[in-house]
Amino acid sequence: MTVDNENLIYVYIGSYRAKEEESIHLASLNLETGELKALHGMAGVTNPTFLDWDALNNVLYAASEQEHSEVIAYAADPQTQKLEELNRKSTDSSGACHVSRSGDGKYLFTTGYGDGHISVLELQQDGALGELSSLIRHSGRGERDDRQSEAHPHSVFQDPNQEYVIVCDLGMDSINMYRLEEGKLVTHREVKMPPGSGPRHVAFHPNGRWMYAINELNNTVTFFAYDSTFGDLKTMQHTSTLPTDVVMEENTAAQLAISPCGRFLYASNRGHDSLVQMNIDEDSGMLSAVNWVSSGGKTPRHFTLVPGGYLLSANQDSNCIVSYRIHSDSGRLEETGFSLELPHPVCVLPAVKA
């Protein structure tokens, strides 16, 4: 979906902001130069810290991270991409920090970092939110008293085959797998992670056979061989997100993404404030970290890969989004020289055409 011409694409940005402040922003990215321009800001939602885009219905979903969390559905104008609220629903959770949809578009998932809840809401045909169909709660802890004294589910994704729902629990050092049966989450398997690792997000390789998890607390990416038939994960490798000569007590890994070609994985470091490129071996799936660049600011909580060969880095604590060009052959990142100043950006999402 483009802005006036084929060289521009819309981008939505979520931020840590109060309800009365502009917290969801619309920007454009020039696919020739990497230039970002702010177009519109919208108030009315508290801390929209994660977003999900439904390209078929032109609907944006925002998770509102607060004590009594909710999720909001917005219809986007096909021409201007400005948002109009469809409806909002409680997630029956605290600290909702992630939102995603089932592959068939029938359900919406959210995680409650604050109270351990994972919520499933029905979706209407037009993308509006329906009723809560499932609510479960994780119970457990990890080895760190400061960050893992209780369960903290941080993200929820459905696998590419739409067979299993995968929840990363930072507090319990576990990746929990569920079956989705008529809108209900049914326990399938729990995969334990290294103590103190703090799994945060996962990403699947385009081949559907490899899955990668980024671990916030021990700054690693874990590579799994994924058995979609039995819904099982086999740990193959742990790779540091930091250079070998860097020791940092105050670094936490945040986001990861895999290039559409499947040859490169990128991850972000908060503290080291960097983006790391890892090459993916095309035969084995094993990772090798090859390059680090500055994230362009402080605390890169999130970044996204944009069709056309760009990466956008959202630097929460320096109030900026920085654009990078991705070299198609080597995968290396190069700053375009363009950035966008916005308060506390924490999620950036391209409105890609269906």
Protein backbone atom coordinates (compact mmCIF):
# COMPACT_ATOMS: atom_id res chain seq x y z
CA MET A 1 0.00 0.00 0.00
CA THR A 2 1.65 3.20 -1.15
CA VAL A 3 1.48 6.90 -0.50
CA ASP A 4 0.64 8.69 -3.77
CA ASN A 5 3.28 6.80 -5.76
CA GLU A 6 4.98 3.43 -5.94
CA ASN A 7 8.19 4.68 -4.30
CA LEU A 8 6.60 5.36 -0.91
CA ILE A 9 5.19 3.00 1.71
CA TYR A 10 3.18 3.67 4.87
CA VAL A 11 4.59 2.81 8.29
CA TYR A 12 2.75 2.75 11.64
CA ILE A 13 4.62 3.48 14.87
CA GLY A 14 3.54 2.65 18.42
CA SER A 15 5.01 4.44 21.43
CA TYR A 16 5.01 4.67 25.20
CA ARG A 17 2.63 7.60 25.65
CA ALA A 18 -0.40 8.56 27.75
CA LYS A 19 -3.92 8.22 26.35
CA GLU A 20 -4.33 11.98 25.82
CA GLU A 21 -1.06 12.21 23.87
CA GLU A 22 -0.39 11.18 20.28
CA SER A 23 0.74 7.59 20.69
CA ILE A 24 0.18 5.96 17.27
CA HIS A 25 1.92 7.68 14.38
CA LEU A 26 1.72 7.31 10.63
CA ALA A 27 4.83 7.94 8.54
CA SER A 28 6.02 7.32 5.00
CA LEU A 29 9.24 5.68 3.85
CA ASN A 30 10.76 6.60 0.50
CA LEU A 31 11.91 3.33 -1.07
CA GLU A 32 14.45 5.11 -3.28
CA THR A 33 16.25 7.10 -0.59
CA GLY A 34 15.19 5.69 2.81
CA GLU A 35 13.78 9.05 3.88
CA LEU A 36 11.11 8.96 6.63
CA LYS A 37 8.40 11.61 6.96
CA ALA A 38 5.80 12.00 9.72
CA LEU A 39 2.27 12.25 8.33
CA HIS A 40 -0.21 11.95 11.18
CA GLY A 41 -0.46 11.29 14.92
CA MET A 42 -3.37 9.93 16.91
CA ALA A 43 -4.27 10.00 20.61
CA GLY A 44 -6.80 7.86 22.47
CA VAL A 45 -4.77 4.79 23.41
CA THR A 46 -2.34 4.29 26.29
CA ASN A 47 1.05 2.74 25.52
CA PRO A 48 0.38 1.00 22.18
CA THR A 49 3.59 -0.98 22.53
CA PHE A 50 2.92 -3.61 19.89
CA LEU A 51 1.02 -3.49 16.60
CA ASP A 52 -0.29 -6.01 14.08
CA TRP A 53 -1.45 -5.31 10.52
CA ASP A 54 -4.25 -7.12 8.67
CA ALA A 55 -3.56 -6.36 5.01
CA LEU A 56 -6.71 -8.07 3.72
CA ASN A 57 -9.09 -5.98 5.80
CA ASN A 58 -6.92 -2.86 6.07
CA VAL A 59 -7.11 -3.09 9.87
CA LEU A 60 -4.47 -2.21 12.47
CA TYR A 61 -4.47 -3.80 15.93
CA ALA A 62 -2.78 -2.18 18.92
CA ALA A 63 -2.02 -3.76 22.30
CA SER A 64 -2.46 -1.19 25.08
CA GLU A 65 0.08 -1.97 27.81
CA GLN A 66 -1.40 -0.89 31.14
CA GLU A 67 -2.69 -2.39 34.39
CA HIS A 68 -6.07 -3.21 32.85
CA SER A 69 -4.99 -3.87 29.29
CA GLU A 70 -7.05 -3.73 26.15
CA VAL A 71 -6.63 -4.21 22.43
CA ILE A 72 -7.98 -1.77 19.84
CA ALA A 73 -8.92 -2.41 16.20
CA TYR A 74 -8.62 0.46 13.71
CA ALA A 75 -9.88 0.62 10.13
CA ALA A 76 -7.34 2.31 7.84
CA ASP A 77 -8.49 4.53 5.02
CA PRO A 78 -7.43 2.85 1.74
CA GLN A 79 -6.13 6.15 0.32
CA THR A 80 -4.68 8.09 3.24
CA GLN A 81 -4.11 5.19 5.67
CA LYS A 82 -5.46 7.34 8.53
CA LEU A 83 -7.10 5.33 11.29
CA GLU A 84 -10.65 5.19 12.58
CA GLU A 85 -11.44 3.09 15.62
CA LEU A 86 -13.62 0.05 14.97
CA ASN A 87 -13.84 -1.14 18.57
CA ARG A 88 -11.80 -2.07 21.61
CA LYS A 89 -11.92 -5.00 24.01
CA SER A 90 -10.39 -5.86 27.35
CA THR A 91 -7.74 -8.57 27.25
CA ASP A 92 -8.46 -9.52 30.89
CA SER A 93 -4.74 -9.18 31.49
CA SER A 94 -2.16 -6.77 32.87
CA GLY A 95 0.71 -5.33 30.85
CA ALA A 96 -0.31 -6.56 27.38
CA CYS A 97 2.95 -6.32 25.44
CA HIS A 98 2.33 -8.32 22.28
CA VAL A 99 -0.42 -8.89 19.73
CA SER A 100 -0.66 -11.21 16.72
CA ARG A 101 -3.31 -13.00 14.66
CA SER A 102 -3.94 -16.62 13.77
CA GLY A 103 -3.04 -17.54 10.22
CA ASP A 104 -6.68 -17.97 9.23
CA GLY A 105 -7.55 -14.49 10.52
CA LYS A 106 -10.19 -15.78 12.93
CA TYR A 107 -8.46 -15.06 16.24
CA LEU A 108 -6.26 -12.44 17.91
CA PHE A 109 -3.65 -13.34 20.55
CA THR A 110 -2.21 -11.11 23.29
CA THR A 111 0.20 -11.69 26.18
CA GLY A 112 -0.05 -10.13 29.64
CA TYR A 113 3.51 -9.61 30.87
CA GLY A 114 2.28 -8.32 34.23
CA ASP A 115 0.01 -11.17 35.32
CA GLY A 116 0.97 -14.15 33.16
CA HIS A 117 -2.22 -14.24 31.09
CA ILE A 118 -2.47 -15.24 27.43
CA SER A 119 -5.72 -14.09 25.80
CA VAL A 120 -7.51 -15.15 22.62
CA LEU A 121 -10.23 -12.97 21.10
CA GLU A 122 -12.48 -13.82 18.19
CA LEU A 123 -12.25 -11.65 15.07
CA GLN A 124 -15.20 -10.63 12.91
CA GLN A 125 -15.12 -10.84 9.12
CA ASP A 126 -14.45 -7.09 8.83
CA GLY A 127 -11.59 -7.30 11.31
CA ALA A 128 -13.50 -5.95 14.32
CA LEU A 129 -12.84 -7.54 17.69
CA GLY A 130 -15.21 -10.17 19.00
CA GLU A 131 -15.50 -11.87 22.35
CA LEU A 132 -12.79 -13.44 24.50
CA SER A 133 -12.67 -17.12 23.57
CA SER A 134 -9.77 -18.31 25.74
CA LEU A 135 -7.81 -17.08 28.74
CA ILE A 136 -5.02 -19.06 30.36
CA ARG A 137 -2.41 -18.14 32.93
CA HIS A 138 1.21 -19.21 33.23
CA SER A 139 2.54 -20.01 36.68
CA GLY A 140 6.21 -20.44 37.44
CA ARG A 141 9.53 -18.62 37.71
CA GLY A 142 13.15 -18.57 36.59
CA GLU A 143 16.44 -18.28 38.44
CA ARG A 144 16.73 -14.48 38.57
CA ASP A 145 14.93 -12.78 41.46
CA ASP A 146 15.03 -9.38 39.78
CA ARG A 147 13.37 -10.35 36.48
CA GLN A 148 12.04 -13.90 36.88
CA SER A 149 10.22 -14.11 40.20
CA GLU A 150 7.03 -15.00 38.30
CA ALA A 151 5.77 -15.84 34.84
CA HIS A 152 6.13 -13.13 32.18
CA PRO A 153 4.76 -14.22 28.78
CA HIS A 154 6.30 -11.79 26.31
CA SER A 155 5.03 -12.84 22.88
CA VAL A 156 2.63 -15.20 21.15
CA PHE A 157 2.84 -16.45 17.54
CA GLN A 158 1.18 -19.16 15.49
CA ASP A 159 3.51 -21.42 13.52
CA PRO A 160 3.52 -21.19 9.69
CA ASN A 161 1.44 -24.38 9.35
CA GLN A 162 -1.22 -23.00 11.72
CA GLU A 163 -0.89 -26.08 13.88
CA TYR A 164 0.52 -24.66 17.12
CA VAL A 165 0.56 -21.43 19.10
CA ILE A 166 3.97 -20.57 20.56
CA VAL A 167 4.40 -18.43 23.68
CA CYS A 168 7.78 -17.13 24.88
CA ASP A 169 7.78 -16.79 28.67
CA LEU A 170 10.66 -14.62 29.84
CA GLY A 171 9.91 -15.23 33.52
CA MET A 172 9.77 -19.02 33.35
CA ASP A 173 12.64 -19.58 30.88
CA SER A 174 10.29 -21.57 28.70
CA ILE A 175 8.72 -21.71 25.26
CA ASN A 176 5.20 -23.06 25.66
CA MET A 177 3.33 -24.66 22.78
CA TYR A 178 -0.45 -24.92 22.50
CA ARG A 179 -3.00 -26.27 20.09
CA LEU A 180 -5.82 -23.93 19.13
CA GLU A 181 -9.08 -25.87 19.25
CA GLU A 182 -12.21 -23.87 18.40
CA GLY A 183 -10.66 -20.74 19.87
CA LYS A 184 -9.37 -22.46 23.02
CA LEU A 185 -5.69 -22.85 23.89
CA VAL A 186 -4.90 -26.47 24.80
CA THR A 187 -1.50 -27.33 26.32
CA HIS A 188 0.78 -29.28 23.97
CA ARG A 189 4.38 -29.00 25.12
CA GLU A 190 6.78 -26.93 27.24
CA VAL A 191 10.35 -26.45 26.04
CA LYS A 192 12.74 -25.39 28.78
CA MET A 193 15.38 -22.83 27.95
CA PRO A 194 18.79 -22.27 29.62
CA PRO A 195 18.38 -20.83 33.15
CA GLY A 196 18.40 -17.04 33.13
CA SER A 197 17.98 -16.77 29.36
CA GLY A 198 14.59 -15.01 29.26
CA PRO A 199 13.08 -15.95 25.86
CA ARG A 200 11.32 -12.92 24.36
CA HIS A 201 10.36 -13.36 20.67
CA VAL A 202 10.61 -16.02 17.96
CA ALA A 203 10.88 -15.95 14.18
CA PHE A 204 10.46 -18.76 11.66
CA HIS A 205 12.69 -19.29 8.67
CA PRO A 206 10.89 -19.15 5.31
CA ASN A 207 11.38 -22.92 4.94
CA GLY A 208 9.18 -23.51 8.02
CA ARG A 209 11.64 -26.07 9.44
CA TRP A 210 13.83 -23.73 11.49
CA MET A 211 12.80 -21.45 14.33
CA TYR A 212 14.91 -18.85 16.13
CA ALA A 213 14.29 -17.31 19.57
CA ILE A 214 15.87 -14.18 20.98
CA ASN A 215 16.67 -14.34 24.69
CA GLU A 216 16.50 -11.01 26.46
CA LEU A 217 18.43 -11.74 29.64
CA ASN A 218 21.48 -13.68 28.44
CA ASN A 219 21.74 -11.90 25.06
CA THR A 220 21.57 -14.91 22.79
CA VAL A 221 19.65 -16.26 19.81
CA THR A 222 18.66 -19.92 20.03
CA PHE A 223 18.27 -21.97 16.85
CA PHE A 224 15.75 -24.83 16.86
CA ALA A 225 14.93 -27.54 14.36
CA TYR A 226 11.14 -27.47 14.20
CA ASP A 227 9.08 -30.64 13.76
CA SER A 228 5.69 -29.41 12.60
CA THR A 229 4.19 -32.90 12.54
CA PHE A 230 4.65 -33.54 16.25
CA GLY A 231 4.99 -29.92 17.37
CA ASP A 232 8.46 -30.31 18.78
CA LEU A 233 11.57 -28.14 19.04
CA LYS A 234 15.13 -29.49 19.08
CA THR A 235 17.77 -27.06 20.32
CA MET A 236 20.65 -26.84 17.84
CA GLN A 237 22.68 -23.74 18.77
CA HIS A 238 22.97 -20.68 21.02
CA THR A 239 24.67 -17.60 19.54
CA SER A 240 25.56 -14.38 21.37
CA THR A 241 24.08 -11.12 20.10
CA LEU A 242 27.18 -9.27 21.35
CA PRO A 243 30.71 -9.19 19.92
CA THR A 244 33.07 -11.67 21.58
CA ASP A 245 35.24 -8.89 22.99
CA VAL A 246 32.30 -7.06 24.63
CA VAL A 247 31.17 -7.80 28.18
CA MET A 248 28.15 -5.78 29.28
CA GLU A 249 26.11 -6.31 32.43
CA GLU A 250 23.50 -3.77 31.33
CA ASN A 251 22.55 -5.16 27.92
CA THR A 252 19.27 -6.82 27.01
CA ALA A 253 18.48 -8.32 23.62
CA ALA A 254 15.14 -7.26 22.19
CA GLN A 255 14.01 -7.99 18.64
CA LEU A 256 14.88 -10.40 15.83
CA ALA A 257 13.82 -10.74 12.20
CA ILE A 258 14.76 -12.94 9.24
CA SER A 259 15.20 -11.63 5.72
CA PRO A 260 12.68 -12.89 3.13
CA CYS A 261 15.50 -14.66 1.28
CA GLY A 262 16.26 -16.66 4.45
CA ARG A 263 20.00 -15.93 4.39
CA PHE A 264 20.20 -13.32 7.15
CA LEU A 265 18.96 -12.86 10.70
CA TYR A 266 19.07 -9.50 12.48
CA ALA A 267 18.80 -8.81 16.22
CA SER A 268 18.95 -5.73 18.45
CA ASN A 269 20.91 -4.99 21.62
CA ARG A 270 19.72 -2.48 24.23
CA GLY A 271 22.72 -1.12 26.15
CA HIS A 272 25.25 -1.92 23.47
CA ASP A 273 22.69 -0.12 21.26
CA SER A 274 23.48 -2.11 18.18
CA LEU A 275 22.02 -4.21 15.41
CA VAL A 276 23.75 -7.51 14.74
CA GLN A 277 23.67 -9.37 11.44
CA MET A 278 23.90 -13.15 11.57
CA ASN A 279 24.27 -15.26 8.44
CA ILE A 280 22.12 -18.40 8.21
CA ASP A 281 23.76 -21.46 6.68
CA GLU A 282 21.43 -22.53 3.88
CA ASP A 283 22.01 -26.24 4.49
CA SER A 284 22.08 -26.51 8.28
CA GLY A 285 20.35 -23.36 9.55
CA MET A 286 23.27 -22.63 11.86
CA LEU A 287 24.07 -19.01 12.67
CA SER A 288 27.27 -17.01 12.43
CA ALA A 289 27.39 -13.42 13.69
CA VAL A 290 29.26 -11.35 11.13
CA ASN A 291 28.61 -7.65 11.65
CA TRP A 292 27.43 -5.06 14.18
CA VAL A 293 26.29 -1.50 13.48
CA SER A 294 25.01 1.23 15.78
CA SER A 295 21.21 1.24 16.12
CA GLY A 296 21.33 5.00 15.57
CA GLY A 297 20.16 5.82 19.08
CA LYS A 298 19.53 4.47 22.57
CA THR A 299 17.54 1.34 23.41
CA PRO A 300 16.47 -0.26 20.10
CA ARG A 301 13.42 -2.03 21.53
CA HIS A 302 12.08 -2.91 18.08
CA PHE A 303 12.95 -2.86 14.41
CA THR A 304 11.30 -4.08 11.24
CA LEU A 305 12.34 -5.20 7.77
CA VAL A 306 10.56 -3.33 4.99
CA PRO A 307 9.92 -4.76 1.51
CA GLY A 308 12.27 -2.99 -0.86
CA GLY A 309 15.39 -3.66 1.22
CA TYR A 310 15.24 -1.43 4.30
CA LEU A 311 15.44 -1.87 8.07
CA LEU A 312 13.84 0.67 10.45
CA SER A 313 15.20 0.82 14.00
CA ALA A 314 12.98 2.23 16.79
CA ASN A 315 15.21 3.72 19.50
CA GLN A 316 12.99 4.14 22.55
CA ASP A 317 15.22 6.28 24.75
CA SER A 318 16.57 8.67 22.12
CA ASN A 319 13.17 9.31 20.52
CA CYS A 320 14.09 8.41 16.96
CA ILE A 321 13.59 5.91 14.17
CA VAL A 322 16.59 5.38 11.91
CA SER A 323 16.53 3.86 8.43
CA TYR A 324 19.10 1.46 6.99
CA ARG A 325 19.57 0.07 3.53
CA ILE A 326 20.08 -3.70 3.37
CA HIS A 327 22.58 -4.81 0.76
CA SER A 328 20.93 -7.67 -1.10
CA ASP A 329 24.09 -9.69 -1.69
CA SER A 330 25.87 -9.39 1.65
CA GLY A 331 22.96 -8.52 3.95
CA ARG A 332 24.98 -5.70 5.47
CA LEU A 333 23.26 -2.66 6.93
CA GLU A 334 24.13 0.86 5.83
CA GLU A 335 22.61 3.99 7.35
CA THR A 336 20.73 6.04 4.79
CA GLY A 337 21.33 9.26 6.71
CA PHE A 338 17.60 9.68 7.38
CA SER A 339 15.81 9.46 10.71
CA LEU A 340 12.49 10.49 12.21
CA GLU A 341 12.10 12.11 15.63
CA LEU A 342 9.16 10.78 17.65
CA PRO A 343 8.71 10.39 21.42
CA HIS A 344 9.50 6.91 22.80
CA PRO A 345 8.94 4.73 19.71
CA VAL A 346 8.71 1.04 20.60
CA CYS A 347 7.13 -0.66 17.59
CA VAL A 348 7.38 0.09 13.88
CA LEU A 349 5.21 -1.73 11.34
CA PRO A 350 4.96 -1.34 7.55
CA ALA A 351 1.42 -1.40 6.10
CA VAL A 352 2.28 -3.87 3.38
CA LYS A 353 -0.20 -4.39 0.55
CA ALA A 354 -2.03 -7.74 0.51
